[in-house]
Amino acid sequence: MKKAIKILIPVILVIALFFGAEMIFPTISSGLSVTALTGKTVHYTAHRGLSNVAPENTLPAIEEAGKAGYYAAEFDVAPTKDGVWILMHDDTVDRMTNGEGSVSDFTYAEIAELKIDAGNGVGNYPDLRIATLEEALDACEEYSMRAMVEVKGGNPGDMAGLLEIIKSKSLAVAPLIIDFNSERLEALREADKEIELWYLVSKISDESIAFAEENSTAIAFNHKKTANLFRVDDVNDKGIKTAAWTVDRLPAADILCALGVEYITTNRILP
């Protein structure tokens, strides 16, 4: 029976995702950290800040996430040419600013001259600039919200400097670092045995599970890839925490909770 239930729940999730079904499992409590039917607490993270309200990866987006009560604000960081860590998802500044070119080709002084001119609600934030990692951490601290730092640039050798910035803040709520790049994660784990790390994967595989075990990371997966839903139990059975991205519909969120996923990243949960 237990095996049948494990198979049935992902199947129901697929139906919910493709057909937009109404909520199948009731949410146990309101708010952005909830208790699921599994008995686990499920935490909700605002993707790139509350990017459905304010431009992604900006201080206003992080502040809006804090006002909304999110458990964490996720934001992307990459180093400039002179080693300053800034918030930017893309390799270039083209999509989000009035500038052009690769982030790694700019000094911070040059980055500071650019204006963010794209994103949801950008008209509400005139003269909006690119934030630094330090500013983003301070914004999270202001709202007692966890910082979820996704590394988008830099080499494994740059990770010590990233950790130094995070540790220098002595934040009340310990940040966590997430990355698709296994080599950077290995460097982070070697430098710090305690900090929470997540391995971001499009596909949960035997190899990714083994990596997570060896390097003491969680696994954060793409919930829209159906095969991943059938592997959540494999991850949980190893004692590895699971997270899902990017979940924007309540039916999907509810059933991921039922599968035992503990962290959900969202642009904005929609019914």
C-alpha atoms as a PDB file:
ATOM      1  CA  MET A   1       0.000   0.000   0.000  1.00  0.00           C
ATOM      2  CA  LYS A   2       2.765   2.469   0.943  1.00  0.00           C
ATOM      3  CA  LYS A   3       4.512   1.852  -2.372  1.00  0.00           C
ATOM      4  CA  ALA A   4       1.267   2.423  -4.266  1.00  0.00           C
ATOM      5  CA  ILE A   5       0.712   5.734  -2.482  1.00  0.00           C
ATOM      6  CA  LYS A   6       4.244   6.842  -3.314  1.00  0.00           C
ATOM      7  CA  ILE A   7       3.520   6.216  -6.976  1.00  0.00           C
ATOM      8  CA  LEU A   8       0.035   7.729  -6.920  1.00  0.00           C
ATOM      9  CA  ILE A   9       0.960  11.121  -5.455  1.00  0.00           C
ATOM     10  CA  PRO A  10       3.363  12.107  -8.258  1.00  0.00           C
ATOM     11  CA  VAL A  11       0.779  11.002 -10.816  1.00  0.00           C
ATOM     12  CA  ILE A  12      -1.805  13.302  -9.224  1.00  0.00           C
ATOM     13  CA  LEU A  13       0.744  16.122  -9.261  1.00  0.00           C
ATOM     14  CA  VAL A  14       1.304  15.682 -12.980  1.00  0.00           C
ATOM     15  CA  ILE A  15      -2.456  15.939 -13.558  1.00  0.00           C
ATOM     16  CA  ALA A  16      -2.604  19.105 -11.448  1.00  0.00           C
ATOM     17  CA  LEU A  17       0.295  20.669 -13.309  1.00  0.00           C
ATOM     18  CA  PHE A  18      -1.040  19.979 -16.772  1.00  0.00           C
ATOM     19  CA  PHE A  19      -4.742  20.536 -16.230  1.00  0.00           C
ATOM     20  CA  GLY A  20      -4.712  23.290 -13.617  1.00  0.00           C
ATOM     21  CA  ALA A  21      -6.795  21.324 -11.129  1.00  0.00           C
ATOM     22  CA  GLU A  22      -8.043  23.012  -7.981  1.00  0.00           C
ATOM     23  CA  MET A  23      -6.226  22.268  -4.753  1.00  0.00           C
ATOM     24  CA  ILE A  24      -6.184  18.544  -4.094  1.00  0.00           C
ATOM     25  CA  PHE A  25      -4.705  18.556  -0.604  1.00  0.00           C
ATOM     26  CA  PRO A  26      -5.749  21.300   1.803  1.00  0.00           C
ATOM     27  CA  THR A  27      -3.055  23.566   3.161  1.00  0.00           C
ATOM     28  CA  ILE A  28      -2.783  22.791   6.854  1.00  0.00           C
ATOM     29  CA  SER A  29      -2.122  26.342   8.012  1.00  0.00           C
ATOM     30  CA  SER A  30      -1.831  29.805   6.550  1.00  0.00           C
ATOM     31  CA  GLY A  31       1.391  31.722   6.156  1.00  0.00           C
ATOM     32  CA  LEU A  32       4.661  31.105   4.327  1.00  0.00           C
ATOM     33  CA  SER A  33       5.984  28.328   6.551  1.00  0.00           C
ATOM     34  CA  VAL A  34       3.371  25.616   6.910  1.00  0.00           C
ATOM     35  CA  THR A  35       3.016  22.180   8.456  1.00  0.00           C
ATOM     36  CA  ALA A  36       2.369  19.551   5.801  1.00  0.00           C
ATOM     37  CA  LEU A  37       0.556  16.238   6.103  1.00  0.00           C
ATOM     38  CA  THR A  38       3.973  14.609   6.465  1.00  0.00           C
ATOM     39  CA  GLY A  39       4.503  16.496   9.730  1.00  0.00           C
ATOM     40  CA  LYS A  40       7.408  18.433   8.206  1.00  0.00           C
ATOM     41  CA  THR A  41       7.538  22.217   8.159  1.00  0.00           C
ATOM     42  CA  VAL A  42       7.540  23.540   4.595  1.00  0.00           C
ATOM     43  CA  HIS A  43       9.236  26.885   3.956  1.00  0.00           C
ATOM     44  CA  TYR A  44       8.438  29.252   1.098  1.00  0.00           C
ATOM     45  CA  THR A  45      11.142  31.321  -0.603  1.00  0.00           C
ATOM     46  CA  ALA A  46      10.603  34.336  -2.863  1.00  0.00           C
ATOM     47  CA  HIS A  47      12.414  33.706  -6.170  1.00  0.00           C
ATOM     48  CA  ARG A  48      14.809  36.565  -6.988  1.00  0.00           C
ATOM     49  CA  GLY A  49      13.016  38.437  -4.238  1.00  0.00           C
ATOM     50  CA  LEU A  50       9.298  38.984  -4.720  1.00  0.00           C
ATOM     51  CA  SER A  51       9.934  39.326  -8.446  1.00  0.00           C
ATOM     52  CA  ASN A  52       6.277  39.363  -9.393  1.00  0.00           C
ATOM     53  CA  VAL A  53       5.947  42.724  -7.612  1.00  0.00           C
ATOM     54  CA  ALA A  54       9.333  44.434  -8.035  1.00  0.00           C
ATOM     55  CA  PRO A  55      12.211  43.939 -10.493  1.00  0.00           C
ATOM     56  CA  GLU A  56      14.087  40.705  -9.837  1.00  0.00           C
ATOM     57  CA  ASN A  57      17.269  40.681  -7.774  1.00  0.00           C
ATOM     58  CA  THR A  58      16.790  44.199  -6.444  1.00  0.00           C
ATOM     59  CA  LEU A  59      16.521  45.590  -2.946  1.00  0.00           C
ATOM     60  CA  PRO A  60      12.819  46.470  -3.458  1.00  0.00           C
ATOM     61  CA  ALA A  61      12.107  42.855  -4.460  1.00  0.00           C
ATOM     62  CA  ILE A  62      13.830  41.579  -1.316  1.00  0.00           C
ATOM     63  CA  GLU A  63      12.029  44.135   0.838  1.00  0.00           C
ATOM     64  CA  GLU A  64       8.653  43.161  -0.651  1.00  0.00           C
ATOM     65  CA  ALA A  65       9.403  39.523   0.168  1.00  0.00           C
ATOM     66  CA  GLY A  66      10.135  40.539   3.739  1.00  0.00           C
ATOM     67  CA  LYS A  67       6.907  42.524   4.005  1.00  0.00           C
ATOM     68  CA  ALA A  68       4.970  39.537   2.643  1.00  0.00           C
ATOM     69  CA  GLY A  69       6.419  37.279   5.341  1.00  0.00           C
ATOM     70  CA  TYR A  70       8.475  34.894   3.226  1.00  0.00           C
ATOM     71  CA  TYR A  71      10.812  32.504   5.026  1.00  0.00           C
ATOM     72  CA  ALA A  72      13.645  33.429   2.661  1.00  0.00           C
ATOM     73  CA  ALA A  73      14.529  35.632  -0.275  1.00  0.00           C
ATOM     74  CA  GLU A  74      16.527  33.974  -3.036  1.00  0.00           C
ATOM     75  CA  PHE A  75      18.821  36.166  -5.126  1.00  0.00           C
ATOM     76  CA  ASP A  76      21.577  35.586  -7.678  1.00  0.00           C
ATOM     77  CA  VAL A  77      25.125  36.860  -7.248  1.00  0.00           C
ATOM     78  CA  ALA A  78      28.170  37.155  -9.482  1.00  0.00           C
ATOM     79  CA  PRO A  79      31.523  38.944  -9.119  1.00  0.00           C
ATOM     80  CA  THR A  80      32.506  42.030 -11.081  1.00  0.00           C
ATOM     81  CA  LYS A  81      35.858  42.401 -12.798  1.00  0.00           C
ATOM     82  CA  ASP A  82      37.334  43.767  -9.564  1.00  0.00           C
ATOM     83  CA  GLY A  83      35.774  41.132  -7.312  1.00  0.00           C
ATOM     84  CA  VAL A  84      32.690  42.878  -5.927  1.00  0.00           C
ATOM     85  CA  TRP A  85      29.725  40.514  -5.607  1.00  0.00           C
ATOM     86  CA  ILE A  86      26.563  42.001  -7.105  1.00  0.00           C
ATOM     87  CA  LEU A  87      22.997  40.809  -7.696  1.00  0.00           C
ATOM     88  CA  MET A  88      22.445  39.675 -11.283  1.00  0.00           C
ATOM     89  CA  HIS A  89      20.993  36.496 -12.760  1.00  0.00           C
ATOM     90  CA  ASP A  90      22.340  36.735 -16.305  1.00  0.00           C
ATOM     91  CA  ASP A  91      25.920  36.634 -17.547  1.00  0.00           C
ATOM     92  CA  THR A  92      25.290  40.064 -19.070  1.00  0.00           C
ATOM     93  CA  VAL A  93      23.605  43.241 -17.864  1.00  0.00           C
ATOM     94  CA  ASP A  94      21.660  43.635 -21.113  1.00  0.00           C
ATOM     95  CA  ARG A  95      18.232  42.314 -20.080  1.00  0.00           C
ATOM     96  CA  MET A  96      17.814  44.195 -16.814  1.00  0.00           C
ATOM     97  CA  THR A  97      19.720  47.454 -17.250  1.00  0.00           C
ATOM     98  CA  ASN A  98      20.433  50.282 -19.660  1.00  0.00           C
ATOM     99  CA  GLY A  99      23.908  48.859 -20.229  1.00  0.00           C
ATOM    100  CA  GLU A 100      25.398  46.131 -22.395  1.00  0.00           C
ATOM    101  CA  GLY A 101      28.111  43.592 -21.796  1.00  0.00           C
ATOM    102  CA  SER A 102      29.243  40.787 -19.522  1.00  0.00           C
ATOM    103  CA  VAL A 103      29.091  41.293 -15.775  1.00  0.00           C
ATOM    104  CA  SER A 104      32.664  40.054 -15.481  1.00  0.00           C
ATOM    105  CA  ASP A 105      33.895  42.819 -17.803  1.00  0.00           C
ATOM    106  CA  PHE A 106      32.601  45.645 -15.573  1.00  0.00           C
ATOM    107  CA  THR A 107      34.290  47.107 -12.524  1.00  0.00           C
ATOM    108  CA  TYR A 108      31.962  47.816  -9.647  1.00  0.00           C
ATOM    109  CA  ALA A 109      32.294  51.555 -10.257  1.00  0.00           C
ATOM    110  CA  GLU A 110      31.001  50.989 -13.790  1.00  0.00           C
ATOM    111  CA  ILE A 111      28.198  48.708 -12.575  1.00  0.00           C
ATOM    112  CA  ALA A 112      27.098  51.376 -10.107  1.00  0.00           C
ATOM    113  CA  GLU A 113      26.459  53.789 -12.989  1.00  0.00           C
ATOM    114  CA  LEU A 114      23.901  51.492 -14.635  1.00  0.00           C
ATOM    115  CA  LYS A 115      20.162  51.813 -14.081  1.00  0.00           C
ATOM    116  CA  ILE A 116      17.739  48.903 -13.853  1.00  0.00           C
ATOM    117  CA  ASP A 117      15.105  49.544 -16.506  1.00  0.00           C
ATOM    118  CA  ALA A 118      13.217  46.244 -16.727  1.00  0.00           C
ATOM    119  CA  GLY A 119      11.151  43.946 -14.519  1.00  0.00           C
ATOM    120  CA  ASN A 120       7.769  43.937 -12.850  1.00  0.00           C
ATOM    121  CA  GLY A 121       6.789  47.281 -11.374  1.00  0.00           C
ATOM    122  CA  VAL A 122       9.996  48.960 -12.525  1.00  0.00           C
ATOM    123  CA  GLY A 123       8.114  52.240 -12.995  1.00  0.00           C
ATOM    124  CA  ASN A 124       7.568  52.394  -9.243  1.00  0.00           C
ATOM    125  CA  TYR A 125      11.307  52.511  -8.594  1.00  0.00           C
ATOM    126  CA  PRO A 126      12.973  55.392 -10.466  1.00  0.00           C
ATOM    127  CA  ASP A 127      16.764  55.430 -10.549  1.00  0.00           C
ATOM    128  CA  LEU A 128      16.962  51.814  -9.371  1.00  0.00           C
ATOM    129  CA  ARG A 129      20.530  50.492  -9.227  1.00  0.00           C
ATOM    130  CA  ILE A 130      22.217  47.100  -9.022  1.00  0.00           C
ATOM    131  CA  ALA A 131      22.608  45.960  -5.416  1.00  0.00           C
ATOM    132  CA  THR A 132      25.657  44.407  -3.795  1.00  0.00           C
ATOM    133  CA  LEU A 133      25.642  41.167  -1.848  1.00  0.00           C
ATOM    134  CA  GLU A 134      26.226  43.128   1.358  1.00  0.00           C
ATOM    135  CA  GLU A 135      23.172  45.307   0.719  1.00  0.00           C
ATOM    136  CA  ALA A 136      21.016  42.265  -0.010  1.00  0.00           C
ATOM    137  CA  LEU A 137      22.113  40.539   3.199  1.00  0.00           C
ATOM    138  CA  ASP A 138      21.302  43.685   5.170  1.00  0.00           C
ATOM    139  CA  ALA A 139      17.840  43.848   3.597  1.00  0.00           C
ATOM    140  CA  CYS A 140      17.134  40.246   4.605  1.00  0.00           C
ATOM    141  CA  GLU A 141      18.354  40.942   8.133  1.00  0.00           C
ATOM    142  CA  GLU A 142      16.024  43.929   8.406  1.00  0.00           C
ATOM    143  CA  TYR A 143      13.033  41.623   7.940  1.00  0.00           C
ATOM    144  CA  SER A 144      14.440  38.661   9.927  1.00  0.00           C
ATOM    145  CA  MET A 145      14.320  36.751   6.639  1.00  0.00           C
ATOM    146  CA  ARG A 146      16.773  34.135   5.526  1.00  0.00           C
ATOM    147  CA  ALA A 147      19.090  34.971   2.621  1.00  0.00           C
ATOM    148  CA  MET A 148      19.270  32.294  -0.075  1.00  0.00           C
ATOM    149  CA  VAL A 149      22.337  33.127  -2.169  1.00  0.00           C
ATOM    150  CA  GLU A 150      22.516  31.530  -5.610  1.00  0.00           C
ATOM    151  CA  VAL A 151      26.013  31.655  -7.103  1.00  0.00           C
ATOM    152  CA  LYS A 152      25.896  32.508 -10.808  1.00  0.00           C
ATOM    153  CA  GLY A 153      29.497  33.425 -11.502  1.00  0.00           C
ATOM    154  CA  GLY A 154      33.035  33.111 -10.304  1.00  0.00           C
ATOM    155  CA  ASN A 155      35.429  30.183  -9.994  1.00  0.00           C
ATOM    156  CA  PRO A 156      35.871  27.710  -7.145  1.00  0.00           C
ATOM    157  CA  GLY A 157      38.778  29.856  -5.969  1.00  0.00           C
ATOM    158  CA  ASP A 158      36.426  32.816  -5.505  1.00  0.00           C
ATOM    159  CA  MET A 159      34.232  31.011  -2.977  1.00  0.00           C
ATOM    160  CA  ALA A 160      36.401  31.835   0.039  1.00  0.00           C
ATOM    161  CA  GLY A 161      35.840  35.523  -0.606  1.00  0.00           C
ATOM    162  CA  LEU A 162      32.106  34.986  -0.931  1.00  0.00           C
ATOM    163  CA  LEU A 163      32.032  33.167   2.397  1.00  0.00           C
ATOM    164  CA  GLU A 164      34.096  35.912   4.018  1.00  0.00           C
ATOM    165  CA  ILE A 165      31.468  38.511   3.088  1.00  0.00           C
ATOM    166  CA  ILE A 166      28.630  36.361   4.425  1.00  0.00           C
ATOM    167  CA  LYS A 167      30.422  35.601   7.685  1.00  0.00           C
ATOM    168  CA  SER A 168      31.409  39.225   8.208  1.00  0.00           C
ATOM    169  CA  LYS A 169      27.738  40.141   8.570  1.00  0.00           C
ATOM    170  CA  SER A 170      27.111  37.914  11.622  1.00  0.00           C
ATOM    171  CA  LEU A 171      23.457  37.618  10.594  1.00  0.00           C
ATOM    172  CA  ALA A 172      20.826  36.492  13.100  1.00  0.00           C
ATOM    173  CA  VAL A 173      19.386  34.061  10.522  1.00  0.00           C
ATOM    174  CA  ALA A 174      22.116  32.001   8.879  1.00  0.00           C
ATOM    175  CA  PRO A 175      22.141  32.331   5.074  1.00  0.00           C
ATOM    176  CA  LEU A 176      22.366  29.348   2.767  1.00  0.00           C
ATOM    177  CA  ILE A 177      24.154  29.067  -0.581  1.00  0.00           C
ATOM    178  CA  ILE A 178      22.794  27.289  -3.648  1.00  0.00           C
ATOM    179  CA  ASP A 179      24.442  26.467  -6.967  1.00  0.00           C
ATOM    180  CA  PHE A 180      24.173  24.306 -10.091  1.00  0.00           C
ATOM    181  CA  ASN A 181      27.978  24.096 -10.256  1.00  0.00           C
ATOM    182  CA  SER A 182      29.303  21.107  -8.317  1.00  0.00           C
ATOM    183  CA  GLU A 183      32.918  22.326  -8.298  1.00  0.00           C
ATOM    184  CA  ARG A 184      31.986  25.584  -6.596  1.00  0.00           C
ATOM    185  CA  LEU A 185      29.886  23.673  -4.071  1.00  0.00           C
ATOM    186  CA  GLU A 186      32.831  21.383  -3.313  1.00  0.00           C
ATOM    187  CA  ALA A 187      35.022  24.435  -2.717  1.00  0.00           C
ATOM    188  CA  LEU A 188      32.394  25.943  -0.420  1.00  0.00           C
ATOM    189  CA  ARG A 189      32.074  22.741   1.589  1.00  0.00           C
ATOM    190  CA  GLU A 190      35.840  22.403   1.902  1.00  0.00           C
ATOM    191  CA  ALA A 191      36.047  25.976   3.200  1.00  0.00           C
ATOM    192  CA  ASP A 192      33.095  25.669   5.587  1.00  0.00           C
ATOM    193  CA  LYS A 193      31.844  22.390   7.029  1.00  0.00           C
ATOM    194  CA  GLU A 194      28.756  23.931   8.634  1.00  0.00           C
ATOM    195  CA  ILE A 195      27.114  26.314   6.175  1.00  0.00           C
ATOM    196  CA  GLU A 196      23.961  25.000   4.519  1.00  0.00           C
ATOM    197  CA  LEU A 197      24.414  24.245   0.819  1.00  0.00           C
ATOM    198  CA  TRP A 198      21.953  23.167  -1.868  1.00  0.00           C
ATOM    199  CA  TYR A 199      22.825  21.368  -5.083  1.00  0.00           C
ATOM    200  CA  LEU A 200      20.524  22.665  -7.836  1.00  0.00           C
ATOM    201  CA  VAL A 201      19.647  20.042 -10.426  1.00  0.00           C
ATOM    202  CA  SER A 202      17.340  19.848 -13.400  1.00  0.00           C
ATOM    203  CA  LYS A 203      17.225  16.058 -13.002  1.00  0.00           C
ATOM    204  CA  ILE A 204      17.565  14.021  -9.817  1.00  0.00           C
ATOM    205  CA  SER A 205      20.015  11.222 -10.611  1.00  0.00           C
ATOM    206  CA  ASP A 206      21.999   8.609  -8.722  1.00  0.00           C
ATOM    207  CA  GLU A 207      25.039  10.814  -9.285  1.00  0.00           C
ATOM    208  CA  SER A 208      23.426  13.940  -7.829  1.00  0.00           C
ATOM    209  CA  ILE A 209      22.231  11.989  -4.792  1.00  0.00           C
ATOM    210  CA  ALA A 210      25.743  10.624  -4.254  1.00  0.00           C
ATOM    211  CA  PHE A 211      27.202  14.133  -4.564  1.00  0.00           C
ATOM    212  CA  ALA A 212      24.725  15.488  -2.030  1.00  0.00           C
ATOM    213  CA  GLU A 213      25.607  12.700   0.412  1.00  0.00           C
ATOM    214  CA  GLU A 214      29.331  13.223   0.014  1.00  0.00           C
ATOM    215  CA  ASN A 215      29.204  17.001   0.336  1.00  0.00           C
ATOM    216  CA  SER A 216      26.363  17.324   2.848  1.00  0.00           C
ATOM    217  CA  THR A 217      24.080  19.344   0.599  1.00  0.00           C
ATOM    218  CA  ALA A 218      20.349  19.399   0.030  1.00  0.00           C
ATOM    219  CA  ILE A 219      18.955  18.744  -3.448  1.00  0.00           C
ATOM    220  CA  ALA A 220      16.804  21.396  -5.104  1.00  0.00           C
ATOM    221  CA  PHE A 221      15.085  20.151  -8.256  1.00  0.00           C
ATOM    222  CA  ASN A 222      12.920  21.274 -11.166  1.00  0.00           C
ATOM    223  CA  HIS A 223       9.424  20.135 -10.136  1.00  0.00           C
ATOM    224  CA  LYS A 224       8.134  20.339 -13.724  1.00  0.00           C
ATOM    225  CA  LYS A 225      10.259  17.382 -14.786  1.00  0.00           C
ATOM    226  CA  THR A 226       7.944  14.475 -14.051  1.00  0.00           C
ATOM    227  CA  ALA A 227      10.707  11.939 -13.410  1.00  0.00           C
ATOM    228  CA  ASN A 228      11.957  13.996 -10.457  1.00  0.00           C
ATOM    229  CA  LEU A 229       8.679  13.529  -8.595  1.00  0.00           C
ATOM    230  CA  PHE A 230       9.252   9.790  -8.478  1.00  0.00           C
ATOM    231  CA  ARG A 231      12.712  10.243  -6.980  1.00  0.00           C
ATOM    232  CA  VAL A 232      11.885  12.484  -4.023  1.00  0.00           C
ATOM    233  CA  ASP A 233      11.546   9.427  -1.781  1.00  0.00           C
ATOM    234  CA  ASP A 234      14.976   8.198  -2.900  1.00  0.00           C
ATOM    235  CA  VAL A 235      16.472  11.489  -1.730  1.00  0.00           C
ATOM    236  CA  ASN A 236      14.491  11.694   1.504  1.00  0.00           C
ATOM    237  CA  ASP A 237      15.349   8.089   2.361  1.00  0.00           C
ATOM    238  CA  LYS A 238      19.024   9.099   2.380  1.00  0.00           C
ATOM    239  CA  GLY A 239      18.290  11.811   4.938  1.00  0.00           C
ATOM    240  CA  ILE A 240      18.896  14.532   2.330  1.00  0.00           C
ATOM    241  CA  LYS A 241      16.627  17.576   2.402  1.00  0.00           C
ATOM    242  CA  THR A 242      14.645  18.329  -0.753  1.00  0.00           C
ATOM    243  CA  ALA A 243      13.585  21.627  -2.297  1.00  0.00           C
ATOM    244  CA  ALA A 244      11.585  22.395  -5.442  1.00  0.00           C
ATOM    245  CA  TRP A 245      11.783  25.287  -7.894  1.00  0.00           C
ATOM    246  CA  THR A 246       9.995  27.313  -9.275  1.00  0.00           C
ATOM    247  CA  VAL A 247       6.483  26.467  -8.023  1.00  0.00           C
ATOM    248  CA  ASP A 248       3.780  28.996  -8.874  1.00  0.00           C
ATOM    249  CA  ARG A 249       0.562  26.992  -8.465  1.00  0.00           C
ATOM    250  CA  LEU A 250      -1.011  25.822  -5.224  1.00  0.00           C
ATOM    251  CA  PRO A 251      -1.943  22.333  -6.485  1.00  0.00           C
ATOM    252  CA  ALA A 252       1.702  21.632  -7.268  1.00  0.00           C
ATOM    253  CA  ALA A 253       2.874  23.112  -3.961  1.00  0.00           C
ATOM    254  CA  ASP A 254       0.387  21.092  -1.926  1.00  0.00           C
ATOM    255  CA  ILE A 255       1.351  17.786  -3.459  1.00  0.00           C
ATOM    256  CA  LEU A 256       5.075  18.520  -3.244  1.00  0.00           C
ATOM    257  CA  CYS A 257       4.456  19.060   0.463  1.00  0.00           C
ATOM    258  CA  ALA A 258       2.714  15.677   0.586  1.00  0.00           C
ATOM    259  CA  LEU A 259       5.777  14.108  -1.063  1.00  0.00           C
ATOM    260  CA  GLY A 260       7.955  15.405   1.771  1.00  0.00           C
ATOM    261  CA  VAL A 261       9.578  18.391   0.063  1.00  0.00           C
ATOM    262  CA  GLU A 262      10.611  20.875   2.767  1.00  0.00           C
ATOM    263  CA  TYR A 263      11.424  24.000   0.746  1.00  0.00           C
ATOM    264  CA  ILE A 264       9.492  25.608  -2.104  1.00  0.00           C
ATOM    265  CA  THR A 265      10.769  28.525  -4.172  1.00  0.00           C
ATOM    266  CA  THR A 266       8.129  30.591  -5.945  1.00  0.00           C
ATOM    267  CA  ASN A 267       7.691  33.717  -8.036  1.00  0.00           C
ATOM    268  CA  ARG A 268       4.223  33.949  -6.584  1.00  0.00           C
ATOM    269  CA  ILE A 269       1.930  31.119  -5.528  1.00  0.00           C
ATOM    270  CA  LEU A 270      -1.210  31.278  -7.653  1.00  0.00           C
ATOM    271  CA  PRO A 271      -4.463  29.308  -7.131  1.00  0.00           C
END
